[in-house]
Amino acid sequence: GLPFTGPTSMDILLAHATETPPTFAELGLKGWVPKEVEQLLSECLAKDPADRPQQARELAERFDTALERAMQVLE
């Protein structure tokens, strides 16, 4: 499904601009994505572009770190 719903197209557009996307748990998908990866994904979806990772290399490094931390929790 879509991350945002509403009675009109304008409501949906406003939600995209102002509301925080739902978590995986809120969508009924708890446990599908490690919390470390979900945190990074949340930062990638920040409304203010300055709050998002600024370069692909930075994103790749942070993703690798998030996966490593998630694997350590599983061990």
PDB file of N, CA and C in Angstrom:
ATOM      1  N   GLY A   1       0.808  -1.176   0.000  1.00  0.00           N
ATOM      2  CA  GLY A   1       0.000   0.000   0.000  1.00  0.00           C
ATOM      3  C   GLY A   1       0.862   1.255   0.000  1.00  0.00           C
ATOM      4  N   LEU A   2       0.196   2.348  -0.163  1.00  0.00           N
ATOM      5  CA  LEU A   2       0.868   3.633  -0.169  1.00  0.00           C
ATOM      6  C   LEU A   2       1.136   4.094   1.260  1.00  0.00           C
ATOM      7  N   PRO A   3       2.192   4.882   1.463  1.00  0.00           N
ATOM      8  CA  PRO A   3       2.510   5.312   2.831  1.00  0.00           C
ATOM      9  C   PRO A   3       1.475   6.266   3.410  1.00  0.00           C
ATOM     10  N   PHE A   4       0.819   7.049   2.546  1.00  0.00           N
ATOM     11  CA  PHE A   4      -0.159   8.024   3.021  1.00  0.00           C
ATOM     12  C   PHE A   4      -1.475   7.826   2.279  1.00  0.00           C
ATOM     13  N   THR A   5      -2.560   7.987   2.991  1.00  0.00           N
ATOM     14  CA  THR A   5      -3.879   7.915   2.380  1.00  0.00           C
ATOM     15  C   THR A   5      -4.691   9.105   2.859  1.00  0.00           C
ATOM     16  N   GLY A   6      -5.763   9.375   2.171  1.00  0.00           N
ATOM     17  CA  GLY A   6      -6.640  10.471   2.561  1.00  0.00           C
ATOM     18  C   GLY A   6      -7.832  10.524   1.644  1.00  0.00           C
ATOM     19  N   PRO A   7      -8.838  11.287   2.038  1.00  0.00           N
ATOM     20  CA  PRO A   7     -10.067  11.339   1.252  1.00  0.00           C
ATOM     21  C   PRO A   7      -9.907  12.038  -0.102  1.00  0.00           C
ATOM     22  N   THR A   8      -8.927  12.939  -0.214  1.00  0.00           N
ATOM     23  CA  THR A   8      -8.716  13.634  -1.490  1.00  0.00           C
ATOM     24  C   THR A   8      -7.240  13.629  -1.858  1.00  0.00           C
ATOM     25  N   SER A   9      -6.968  13.917  -3.114  1.00  0.00           N
ATOM     26  CA  SER A   9      -5.583  13.997  -3.582  1.00  0.00           C
ATOM     27  C   SER A   9      -4.815  15.064  -2.820  1.00  0.00           C
ATOM     28  N   MET A  10      -5.477  16.184  -2.511  1.00  0.00           N
ATOM     29  CA  MET A  10      -4.813  17.263  -1.782  1.00  0.00           C
ATOM     30  C   MET A  10      -4.414  16.810  -0.382  1.00  0.00           C
ATOM     31  N   ASP A  11      -5.261  16.013   0.277  1.00  0.00           N
ATOM     32  CA  ASP A  11      -4.917  15.487   1.602  1.00  0.00           C
ATOM     33  C   ASP A  11      -3.673  14.609   1.529  1.00  0.00           C
ATOM     34  N   ILE A  12      -3.583  13.810   0.496  1.00  0.00           N
ATOM     35  CA  ILE A  12      -2.432  12.912   0.331  1.00  0.00           C
ATOM     36  C   ILE A  12      -1.167  13.723   0.048  1.00  0.00           C
ATOM     37  N   LEU A  13      -1.272  14.721  -0.815  1.00  0.00           N
ATOM     38  CA  LEU A  13      -0.109  15.576  -1.105  1.00  0.00           C
ATOM     39  C   LEU A  13       0.354  16.312   0.146  1.00  0.00           C
ATOM     40  N   LEU A  14      -0.575  16.816   0.925  1.00  0.00           N
ATOM     41  CA  LEU A  14      -0.228  17.512   2.161  1.00  0.00           C
ATOM     42  C   LEU A  14       0.464  16.568   3.140  1.00  0.00           C
ATOM     43  N   ALA A  15      -0.029  15.329   3.223  1.00  0.00           N
ATOM     44  CA  ALA A  15       0.597  14.344   4.114  1.00  0.00           C
ATOM     45  C   ALA A  15       2.039  14.078   3.688  1.00  0.00           C
ATOM     46  N   HIS A  16       2.276  13.933   2.386  1.00  0.00           N
ATOM     47  CA  HIS A  16       3.641  13.707   1.895  1.00  0.00           C
ATOM     48  C   HIS A  16       4.561  14.856   2.300  1.00  0.00           C
ATOM     49  N   ALA A  17       4.031  16.058   2.293  1.00  0.00           N
ATOM     50  CA  ALA A  17       4.845  17.238   2.577  1.00  0.00           C
ATOM     51  C   ALA A  17       5.071  17.465   4.066  1.00  0.00           C
ATOM     52  N   THR A  18       4.153  16.980   4.911  1.00  0.00           N
ATOM     53  CA  THR A  18       4.216  17.375   6.320  1.00  0.00           C
ATOM     54  C   THR A  18       4.282  16.230   7.325  1.00  0.00           C
ATOM     55  N   GLU A  19       3.828  15.045   6.971  1.00  0.00           N
ATOM     56  CA  GLU A  19       3.750  13.957   7.948  1.00  0.00           C
ATOM     57  C   GLU A  19       4.954  13.020   7.857  1.00  0.00           C
ATOM     58  N   THR A  20       5.313  12.454   8.998  1.00  0.00           N
ATOM     59  CA  THR A  20       6.381  11.454   9.040  1.00  0.00           C
ATOM     60  C   THR A  20       5.848  10.146   8.469  1.00  0.00           C
ATOM     61  N   PRO A  21       6.608   9.494   7.574  1.00  0.00           N
ATOM     62  CA  PRO A  21       6.140   8.212   7.044  1.00  0.00           C
ATOM     63  C   PRO A  21       5.945   7.197   8.173  1.00  0.00           C
ATOM     64  N   PRO A  22       5.004   6.279   8.017  1.00  0.00           N
ATOM     65  CA  PRO A  22       4.782   5.278   9.050  1.00  0.00           C
ATOM     66  C   PRO A  22       5.974   4.328   9.171  1.00  0.00           C
ATOM     67  N   THR A  23       6.145   3.771  10.359  1.00  0.00           N
ATOM     68  CA  THR A  23       7.196   2.770  10.560  1.00  0.00           C
ATOM     69  C   THR A  23       6.724   1.433  10.002  1.00  0.00           C
ATOM     70  N   PHE A  24       7.655   0.506   9.850  1.00  0.00           N
ATOM     71  CA  PHE A  24       7.283  -0.823   9.391  1.00  0.00           C
ATOM     72  C   PHE A  24       6.316  -1.472  10.384  1.00  0.00           C
ATOM     73  N   ALA A  25       6.545  -1.252  11.673  1.00  0.00           N
ATOM     74  CA  ALA A  25       5.655  -1.819  12.693  1.00  0.00           C
ATOM     75  C   ALA A  25       4.247  -1.265  12.537  1.00  0.00           C
ATOM     76  N   GLU A  26       4.142   0.032  12.263  1.00  0.00           N
ATOM     77  CA  GLU A  26       2.824   0.647  12.081  1.00  0.00           C
ATOM     78  C   GLU A  26       2.102   0.093  10.856  1.00  0.00           C
ATOM     79  N   LEU A  27       2.859  -0.399   9.896  1.00  0.00           N
ATOM     80  CA  LEU A  27       2.271  -0.999   8.693  1.00  0.00           C
ATOM     81  C   LEU A  27       2.011  -2.487   8.866  1.00  0.00           C
ATOM     82  N   GLY A  28       2.278  -3.004  10.082  1.00  0.00           N
ATOM     83  CA  GLY A  28       2.074  -4.431  10.327  1.00  0.00           C
ATOM     84  C   GLY A  28       3.223  -5.299   9.853  1.00  0.00           C
ATOM     85  N   LEU A  29       4.400  -4.704   9.688  1.00  0.00           N
ATOM     86  CA  LEU A  29       5.562  -5.429   9.174  1.00  0.00           C
ATOM     87  C   LEU A  29       6.695  -5.469  10.194  1.00  0.00           C
ATOM     88  N   LYS A  30       6.348  -5.494  11.478  1.00  0.00           N
ATOM     89  CA  LYS A  30       7.370  -5.509  12.528  1.00  0.00           C
ATOM     90  C   LYS A  30       8.288  -6.716  12.350  1.00  0.00           C
ATOM     91  N   GLY A  31       9.591  -6.469  12.483  1.00  0.00           N
ATOM     92  CA  GLY A  31      10.571  -7.544  12.377  1.00  0.00           C
ATOM     93  C   GLY A  31      11.076  -7.798  10.967  1.00  0.00           C
ATOM     94  N   TRP A  32      10.517  -7.138   9.975  1.00  0.00           N
ATOM     95  CA  TRP A  32      10.956  -7.357   8.598  1.00  0.00           C
ATOM     96  C   TRP A  32      12.257  -6.630   8.280  1.00  0.00           C
ATOM     97  N   VAL A  33      12.465  -5.502   8.933  1.00  0.00           N
ATOM     98  CA  VAL A  33      13.640  -4.678   8.667  1.00  0.00           C
ATOM     99  C   VAL A  33      14.311  -4.371   9.998  1.00  0.00           C
ATOM    100  N   PRO A  34      15.622  -4.615  10.115  1.00  0.00           N
ATOM    101  CA  PRO A  34      16.309  -4.295  11.368  1.00  0.00           C
ATOM    102  C   PRO A  34      16.144  -2.820  11.726  1.00  0.00           C
ATOM    103  N   LYS A  35      16.046  -2.536  13.026  1.00  0.00           N
ATOM    104  CA  LYS A  35      15.816  -1.148  13.462  1.00  0.00           C
ATOM    105  C   LYS A  35      16.928  -0.222  12.994  1.00  0.00           C
ATOM    106  N   GLU A  36      18.163  -0.737  12.891  1.00  0.00           N
ATOM    107  CA  GLU A  36      19.283   0.093  12.437  1.00  0.00           C
ATOM    108  C   GLU A  36      19.077   0.543  10.983  1.00  0.00           C
ATOM    109  N   VAL A  37      18.561  -0.362  10.153  1.00  0.00           N
ATOM    110  CA  VAL A  37      18.306  -0.044   8.750  1.00  0.00           C
ATOM    111  C   VAL A  37      17.095   0.884   8.643  1.00  0.00           C
ATOM    112  N   GLU A  38      16.068   0.628   9.450  1.00  0.00           N
ATOM    113  CA  GLU A  38      14.889   1.486   9.416  1.00  0.00           C
ATOM    114  C   GLU A  38      15.237   2.915   9.833  1.00  0.00           C
ATOM    115  N   GLN A  39      16.127   3.072  10.799  1.00  0.00           N
ATOM    116  CA  GLN A  39      16.541   4.413  11.216  1.00  0.00           C
ATOM    117  C   GLN A  39      17.196   5.158  10.053  1.00  0.00           C
ATOM    118  N   LEU A  40      18.069   4.472   9.319  1.00  0.00           N
ATOM    119  CA  LEU A  40      18.721   5.102   8.171  1.00  0.00           C
ATOM    120  C   LEU A  40      17.691   5.434   7.091  1.00  0.00           C
ATOM    121  N   LEU A  41      16.765   4.536   6.844  1.00  0.00           N
ATOM    122  CA  LEU A  41      15.718   4.784   5.864  1.00  0.00           C
ATOM    123  C   LEU A  41      14.905   6.018   6.258  1.00  0.00           C
ATOM    124  N   SER A  42      14.601   6.133   7.533  1.00  0.00           N
ATOM    125  CA  SER A  42      13.865   7.292   8.030  1.00  0.00           C
ATOM    126  C   SER A  42      14.633   8.587   7.750  1.00  0.00           C
ATOM    127  N   GLU A  43      15.951   8.553   7.945  1.00  0.00           N
ATOM    128  CA  GLU A  43      16.770   9.732   7.674  1.00  0.00           C
ATOM    129  C   GLU A  43      16.773  10.063   6.179  1.00  0.00           C
ATOM    130  N   CYS A  44      16.724   9.046   5.335  1.00  0.00           N
ATOM    131  CA  CYS A  44      16.684   9.274   3.886  1.00  0.00           C
ATOM    132  C   CYS A  44      15.376   9.936   3.459  1.00  0.00           C
ATOM    133  N   LEU A  45      14.326   9.752   4.241  1.00  0.00           N
ATOM    134  CA  LEU A  45      13.011  10.307   3.923  1.00  0.00           C
ATOM    135  C   LEU A  45      12.735  11.630   4.645  1.00  0.00           C
ATOM    136  N   ALA A  46      13.758  12.194   5.283  1.00  0.00           N
ATOM    137  CA  ALA A  46      13.579  13.452   6.010  1.00  0.00           C
ATOM    138  C   ALA A  46      13.000  14.519   5.083  1.00  0.00           C
ATOM    139  N   LYS A  47      12.088  15.314   5.617  1.00  0.00           N
ATOM    140  CA  LYS A  47      11.445  16.361   4.811  1.00  0.00           C
ATOM    141  C   LYS A  47      12.460  17.413   4.353  1.00  0.00           C
ATOM    142  N   ASP A  48      13.387  17.771   5.217  1.00  0.00           N
ATOM    143  CA  ASP A  48      14.406  18.760   4.874  1.00  0.00           C
ATOM    144  C   ASP A  48      15.579  18.050   4.191  1.00  0.00           C
ATOM    145  N   PRO A  49      15.866  18.367   2.941  1.00  0.00           N
ATOM    146  CA  PRO A  49      16.971  17.707   2.232  1.00  0.00           C
ATOM    147  C   PRO A  49      18.305  17.767   2.971  1.00  0.00           C
ATOM    148  N   ALA A  50      18.522  18.809   3.767  1.00  0.00           N
ATOM    149  CA  ALA A  50      19.781  18.941   4.505  1.00  0.00           C
ATOM    150  C   ALA A  50      19.911  17.869   5.580  1.00  0.00           C
ATOM    151  N   ASP A  51      18.797  17.272   5.990  1.00  0.00           N
ATOM    152  CA  ASP A  51      18.824  16.230   7.025  1.00  0.00           C
ATOM    153  C   ASP A  51      19.046  14.842   6.449  1.00  0.00           C
ATOM    154  N   ARG A  52      19.068  14.724   5.127  1.00  0.00           N
ATOM    155  CA  ARG A  52      19.268  13.429   4.469  1.00  0.00           C
ATOM    156  C   ARG A  52      20.759  13.206   4.221  1.00  0.00           C
ATOM    157  N   PRO A  53      21.196  11.937   4.069  1.00  0.00           N
ATOM    158  CA  PRO A  53      22.585  11.705   3.650  1.00  0.00           C
ATOM    159  C   PRO A  53      22.839  12.478   2.351  1.00  0.00           C
ATOM    160  N   GLN A  54      23.989  13.109   2.262  1.00  0.00           N
ATOM    161  CA  GLN A  54      24.255  14.035   1.164  1.00  0.00           C
ATOM    162  C   GLN A  54      24.939  13.402  -0.045  1.00  0.00           C
ATOM    163  N   GLN A  55      25.591  12.272   0.147  1.00  0.00           N
ATOM    164  CA  GLN A  55      26.312  11.646  -0.962  1.00  0.00           C
ATOM    165  C   GLN A  55      26.043  10.142  -0.962  1.00  0.00           C
ATOM    166  N   ALA A  56      26.070   9.557  -2.148  1.00  0.00           N
ATOM    167  CA  ALA A  56      25.835   8.118  -2.281  1.00  0.00           C
ATOM    168  C   ALA A  56      26.857   7.316  -1.476  1.00  0.00           C
ATOM    169  N   ARG A  57      28.101   7.773  -1.457  1.00  0.00           N
ATOM    170  CA  ARG A  57      29.144   7.066  -0.708  1.00  0.00           C
ATOM    171  C   ARG A  57      28.816   7.063   0.787  1.00  0.00           C
ATOM    172  N   GLU A  58      28.376   8.219   1.298  1.00  0.00           N
ATOM    173  CA  GLU A  58      27.993   8.309   2.708  1.00  0.00           C
ATOM    174  C   GLU A  58      26.839   7.353   3.005  1.00  0.00           C
ATOM    175  N   LEU A  59      25.845   7.329   2.128  1.00  0.00           N
ATOM    176  CA  LEU A  59      24.708   6.440   2.326  1.00  0.00           C
ATOM    177  C   LEU A  59      25.155   4.980   2.314  1.00  0.00           C
ATOM    178  N   ALA A  60      26.017   4.609   1.380  1.00  0.00           N
ATOM    179  CA  ALA A  60      26.503   3.233   1.291  1.00  0.00           C
ATOM    180  C   ALA A  60      27.269   2.834   2.553  1.00  0.00           C
ATOM    181  N   GLU A  61      28.113   3.729   3.042  1.00  0.00           N
ATOM    182  CA  GLU A  61      28.895   3.431   4.249  1.00  0.00           C
ATOM    183  C   GLU A  61      27.977   3.288   5.463  1.00  0.00           C
ATOM    184  N   ARG A  62      27.001   4.178   5.567  1.00  0.00           N
ATOM    185  CA  ARG A  62      26.077   4.115   6.701  1.00  0.00           C
ATOM    186  C   ARG A  62      25.192   2.871   6.619  1.00  0.00           C
ATOM    187  N   PHE A  63      24.818   2.467   5.401  1.00  0.00           N
ATOM    188  CA  PHE A  63      24.021   1.255   5.221  1.00  0.00           C
ATOM    189  C   PHE A  63      24.831   0.027   5.635  1.00  0.00           C
ATOM    190  N   ASP A  64      26.086  -0.027   5.226  1.00  0.00           N
ATOM    191  CA  ASP A  64      26.959  -1.146   5.627  1.00  0.00           C
ATOM    192  C   ASP A  64      27.083  -1.208   7.149  1.00  0.00           C
ATOM    193  N   THR A  65      27.265  -0.058   7.780  1.00  0.00           N
ATOM    194  CA  THR A  65      27.379  -0.005   9.242  1.00  0.00           C
ATOM    195  C   THR A  65      26.082  -0.471   9.894  1.00  0.00           C
ATOM    196  N   ALA A  66      24.946  -0.021   9.370  1.00  0.00           N
ATOM    197  CA  ALA A  66      23.649  -0.427   9.923  1.00  0.00           C
ATOM    198  C   ALA A  66      23.469  -1.938   9.819  1.00  0.00           C
ATOM    199  N   LEU A  67      23.842  -2.516   8.679  1.00  0.00           N
ATOM    200  CA  LEU A  67      23.722  -3.970   8.512  1.00  0.00           C
ATOM    201  C   LEU A  67      24.649  -4.714   9.467  1.00  0.00           C
ATOM    202  N   GLU A  68      25.873  -4.220   9.618  1.00  0.00           N
ATOM    203  CA  GLU A  68      26.813  -4.860  10.544  1.00  0.00           C
ATOM    204  C   GLU A  68      26.261  -4.835  11.973  1.00  0.00           C
ATOM    205  N   ARG A  69      25.720  -3.711  12.403  1.00  0.00           N
ATOM    206  CA  ARG A  69      25.149  -3.609  13.757  1.00  0.00           C
ATOM    207  C   ARG A  69      23.952  -4.546  13.910  1.00  0.00           C
ATOM    208  N   ALA A  70      23.135  -4.628  12.889  1.00  0.00           N
ATOM    209  CA  ALA A  70      21.965  -5.509  12.943  1.00  0.00           C
ATOM    210  C   ALA A  70      22.404  -6.971  13.042  1.00  0.00           C
ATOM    211  N   MET A  71      23.459  -7.335  12.337  1.00  0.00           N
ATOM    212  CA  MET A  71      23.956  -8.715  12.382  1.00  0.00           C
ATOM    213  C   MET A  71      24.535  -9.031  13.759  1.00  0.00           C
ATOM    214  N   GLN A  72      25.185  -8.056  14.400  1.00  0.00           N
ATOM    215  CA  GLN A  72      25.744  -8.269  15.737  1.00  0.00           C
ATOM    216  C   GLN A  72      24.644  -8.553  16.753  1.00  0.00           C
ATOM    217  N   VAL A  73      23.496  -7.895  16.581  1.00  0.00           N
ATOM    218  CA  VAL A  73      22.368  -8.115  17.485  1.00  0.00           C
ATOM    219  C   VAL A  73      21.840  -9.534  17.330  1.00  0.00           C
ATOM    220  N   LEU A  74      21.885 -10.073  16.115  1.00  0.00           N
ATOM    221  CA  LEU A  74      21.367 -11.411  15.851  1.00  0.00           C
ATOM    222  C   LEU A  74      22.291 -12.504  16.375  1.00  0.00           C
ATOM    223  N   GLU A  75      23.559 -12.181  16.560  1.00  0.00           N
ATOM    224  CA  GLU A  75      24.523 -13.212  16.982  1.00  0.00           C
ATOM    225  C   GLU A  75      24.396 -13.527  18.456  1.00  0.00           C
TER     226      GLU A  75
END
